[in-house]
Amino acid sequence: MVTLEQQNNSGETGTATLTAVGGKTQVELRLTGAPAGIVQPAHIHTGTCASIGGVVYPLVFPVDGVSVTTLDISLDTIFTELPMAINVHKSAQEAGIYYACGDIAK
């Protein structure tokens, strides 16, 4: 489980659960303090929250703090590509503002 910590005093925190499912990876985001009714872009990025890189895997954008994505890649492959972080953005209109982030670890 990845702990998502608030960024930019957003008050938004949560978890990302990565689960191996038949050679694919399911990513479930559960956020608290998410803005009601707002679609928030979410991605797996290269790097860490302290030094975020580019988007590697887009995730289903959470609405009201919840989303589930199935990635067509194994969890083992993701672990070989570390360091990576899961980042949740404020909104589609303000994607440059990060609201929650967590580093993926084995």
C-alpha atoms as a PDB file:
ATOM      1  CA  MET A   1       0.000   0.000   0.000  1.00  0.00           C
ATOM      2  CA  VAL A   2       1.204   3.476  -0.893  1.00  0.00           C
ATOM      3  CA  THR A   3       0.425   6.281   1.555  1.00  0.00           C
ATOM      4  CA  LEU A   4      -0.590   9.457  -0.260  1.00  0.00           C
ATOM      5  CA  GLU A   5       0.403  12.561   1.691  1.00  0.00           C
ATOM      6  CA  GLN A   6      -1.004  16.040   1.164  1.00  0.00           C
ATOM      7  CA  GLN A   7       0.839  18.422  -1.123  1.00  0.00           C
ATOM      8  CA  ASN A   8       0.564  22.216  -1.210  1.00  0.00           C
ATOM      9  CA  ASN A   9      -1.550  22.322   1.988  1.00  0.00           C
ATOM     10  CA  SER A  10      -4.406  20.593   0.152  1.00  0.00           C
ATOM     11  CA  GLY A  11      -5.663  18.636   3.159  1.00  0.00           C
ATOM     12  CA  GLU A  12      -6.054  15.644   0.824  1.00  0.00           C
ATOM     13  CA  THR A  13      -4.527  12.323   1.906  1.00  0.00           C
ATOM     14  CA  GLY A  14      -5.198   8.683   1.189  1.00  0.00           C
ATOM     15  CA  THR A  15      -3.925   5.368  -0.050  1.00  0.00           C
ATOM     16  CA  ALA A  16      -3.158   3.636  -3.305  1.00  0.00           C
ATOM     17  CA  THR A  17      -3.378  -0.140  -3.261  1.00  0.00           C
ATOM     18  CA  LEU A  18      -1.468  -1.953  -6.010  1.00  0.00           C
ATOM     19  CA  THR A  19      -2.595  -5.547  -6.551  1.00  0.00           C
ATOM     20  CA  ALA A  20      -1.302  -8.157  -9.007  1.00  0.00           C
ATOM     21  CA  VAL A  21      -4.215  -9.530 -11.054  1.00  0.00           C
ATOM     22  CA  GLY A  22      -3.366 -12.132 -13.689  1.00  0.00           C
ATOM     23  CA  GLY A  23      -0.256 -10.449 -15.076  1.00  0.00           C
ATOM     24  CA  LYS A  24      -1.770  -6.976 -14.776  1.00  0.00           C
ATOM     25  CA  THR A  25      -1.817  -4.443 -11.947  1.00  0.00           C
ATOM     26  CA  GLN A  26      -4.905  -3.000 -10.316  1.00  0.00           C
ATOM     27  CA  VAL A  27      -4.452   0.422  -8.712  1.00  0.00           C
ATOM     28  CA  GLU A  28      -7.165   1.527  -6.292  1.00  0.00           C
ATOM     29  CA  LEU A  29      -7.085   5.120  -5.049  1.00  0.00           C
ATOM     30  CA  ARG A  30      -8.965   6.100  -1.880  1.00  0.00           C
ATOM     31  CA  LEU A  31      -8.624   9.745  -0.901  1.00  0.00           C
ATOM     32  CA  THR A  32      -9.985  11.767   1.993  1.00  0.00           C
ATOM     33  CA  GLY A  33     -10.365  15.515   1.815  1.00  0.00           C
ATOM     34  CA  ALA A  34     -10.859  15.372  -1.970  1.00  0.00           C
ATOM     35  CA  PRO A  35     -12.890  18.205  -3.476  1.00  0.00           C
ATOM     36  CA  ALA A  36     -16.492  17.052  -3.994  1.00  0.00           C
ATOM     37  CA  GLY A  37     -17.520  16.420  -7.596  1.00  0.00           C
ATOM     38  CA  ILE A  38     -14.130  17.433  -9.038  1.00  0.00           C
ATOM     39  CA  VAL A  39     -12.317  15.163 -11.485  1.00  0.00           C
ATOM     40  CA  GLN A  40      -8.682  14.965 -10.375  1.00  0.00           C
ATOM     41  CA  PRO A  41      -6.000  13.759 -12.805  1.00  0.00           C
ATOM     42  CA  ALA A  42      -3.871  10.980 -11.311  1.00  0.00           C
ATOM     43  CA  HIS A  43      -0.791   9.257 -12.683  1.00  0.00           C
ATOM     44  CA  ILE A  44       2.181   7.101 -11.865  1.00  0.00           C
ATOM     45  CA  HIS A  45       5.275   9.252 -12.444  1.00  0.00           C
ATOM     46  CA  THR A  46       8.973   8.495 -12.597  1.00  0.00           C
ATOM     47  CA  GLY A  47      10.975   9.666  -9.599  1.00  0.00           C
ATOM     48  CA  THR A  48       9.769  10.394  -6.093  1.00  0.00           C
ATOM     49  CA  CYS A  49       7.389  12.927  -4.595  1.00  0.00           C
ATOM     50  CA  ALA A  50      10.414  15.045  -3.682  1.00  0.00           C
ATOM     51  CA  SER A  51      11.672  14.943  -7.281  1.00  0.00           C
ATOM     52  CA  ILE A  52       8.750  14.062  -9.550  1.00  0.00           C
ATOM     53  CA  GLY A  53       9.388  13.128 -13.167  1.00  0.00           C
ATOM     54  CA  GLY A  54       7.210  12.484 -16.185  1.00  0.00           C
ATOM     55  CA  VAL A  55       4.024  10.455 -16.411  1.00  0.00           C
ATOM     56  CA  VAL A  56       4.638   6.738 -16.977  1.00  0.00           C
ATOM     57  CA  TYR A  57       1.156   5.304 -16.422  1.00  0.00           C
ATOM     58  CA  PRO A  58      -2.061   7.340 -16.462  1.00  0.00           C
ATOM     59  CA  LEU A  59      -4.694   6.265 -13.944  1.00  0.00           C
ATOM     60  CA  VAL A  60      -8.474   6.556 -14.026  1.00  0.00           C
ATOM     61  CA  PHE A  61      -9.090  10.017 -12.626  1.00  0.00           C
ATOM     62  CA  PRO A  62     -10.696   9.865  -9.184  1.00  0.00           C
ATOM     63  CA  VAL A  63     -13.989  11.632  -8.582  1.00  0.00           C
ATOM     64  CA  ASP A  64     -15.002  12.178  -4.963  1.00  0.00           C
ATOM     65  CA  GLY A  65     -11.739  10.521  -3.936  1.00  0.00           C
ATOM     66  CA  VAL A  66     -12.131   7.082  -5.535  1.00  0.00           C
ATOM     67  CA  SER A  67     -10.853   5.343  -8.662  1.00  0.00           C
ATOM     68  CA  VAL A  68      -9.817   1.886  -9.816  1.00  0.00           C
ATOM     69  CA  THR A  69      -7.458   1.346 -12.770  1.00  0.00           C
ATOM     70  CA  THR A  70      -6.213  -1.878 -14.321  1.00  0.00           C
ATOM     71  CA  LEU A  71      -2.799  -1.408 -15.933  1.00  0.00           C
ATOM     72  CA  ASP A  72      -1.690  -3.781 -18.682  1.00  0.00           C
ATOM     73  CA  ILE A  73       1.637  -4.394 -16.936  1.00  0.00           C
ATOM     74  CA  SER A  74       2.662  -6.716 -14.123  1.00  0.00           C
ATOM     75  CA  LEU A  75       3.312  -5.494 -10.612  1.00  0.00           C
ATOM     76  CA  ASP A  76       6.764  -7.099 -10.803  1.00  0.00           C
ATOM     77  CA  THR A  77       7.565  -4.931 -13.837  1.00  0.00           C
ATOM     78  CA  ILE A  78       6.470  -1.814 -11.971  1.00  0.00           C
ATOM     79  CA  PHE A  79       8.801  -2.758  -9.117  1.00  0.00           C
ATOM     80  CA  THR A  80      11.736  -3.069 -11.551  1.00  0.00           C
ATOM     81  CA  GLU A  81      11.050   0.490 -12.781  1.00  0.00           C
ATOM     82  CA  LEU A  82      11.310   2.159  -9.350  1.00  0.00           C
ATOM     83  CA  PRO A  83      11.633   4.876  -8.217  1.00  0.00           C
ATOM     84  CA  MET A  84       8.103   5.921  -9.105  1.00  0.00           C
ATOM     85  CA  ALA A  85       5.378   7.881  -7.335  1.00  0.00           C
ATOM     86  CA  ILE A  86       1.612   8.205  -7.547  1.00  0.00           C
ATOM     87  CA  ASN A  87       0.527  11.809  -7.892  1.00  0.00           C
ATOM     88  CA  VAL A  88      -2.980  13.296  -7.684  1.00  0.00           C
ATOM     89  CA  HIS A  89      -3.502  16.741  -9.194  1.00  0.00           C
ATOM     90  CA  LYS A  90      -5.926  19.442  -8.033  1.00  0.00           C
ATOM     91  CA  SER A  91      -8.154  19.320 -11.137  1.00  0.00           C
ATOM     92  CA  ALA A  92      -7.986  18.968 -14.908  1.00  0.00           C
ATOM     93  CA  GLN A  93      -7.943  22.772 -15.169  1.00  0.00           C
ATOM     94  CA  GLU A  94      -5.165  23.113 -12.580  1.00  0.00           C
ATOM     95  CA  ALA A  95      -3.126  19.980 -13.284  1.00  0.00           C
ATOM     96  CA  GLY A  96       0.113  21.765 -12.383  1.00  0.00           C
ATOM     97  CA  ILE A  97      -0.946  21.871  -8.726  1.00  0.00           C
ATOM     98  CA  TYR A  98      -0.313  18.618  -6.854  1.00  0.00           C
ATOM     99  CA  TYR A  99      -2.776  17.663  -4.113  1.00  0.00           C
ATOM    100  CA  ALA A 100      -1.509  14.252  -2.918  1.00  0.00           C
ATOM    101  CA  CYS A 101       1.551  12.115  -3.599  1.00  0.00           C
ATOM    102  CA  GLY A 102       3.102   8.857  -2.439  1.00  0.00           C
ATOM    103  CA  ASP A 103       6.267   6.972  -3.334  1.00  0.00           C
ATOM    104  CA  ILE A 104       5.829   3.386  -4.536  1.00  0.00           C
ATOM    105  CA  ALA A 105       7.950   0.854  -2.645  1.00  0.00           C
ATOM    106  CA  LYS A 106       8.222  -2.928  -2.814  1.00  0.00           C
END
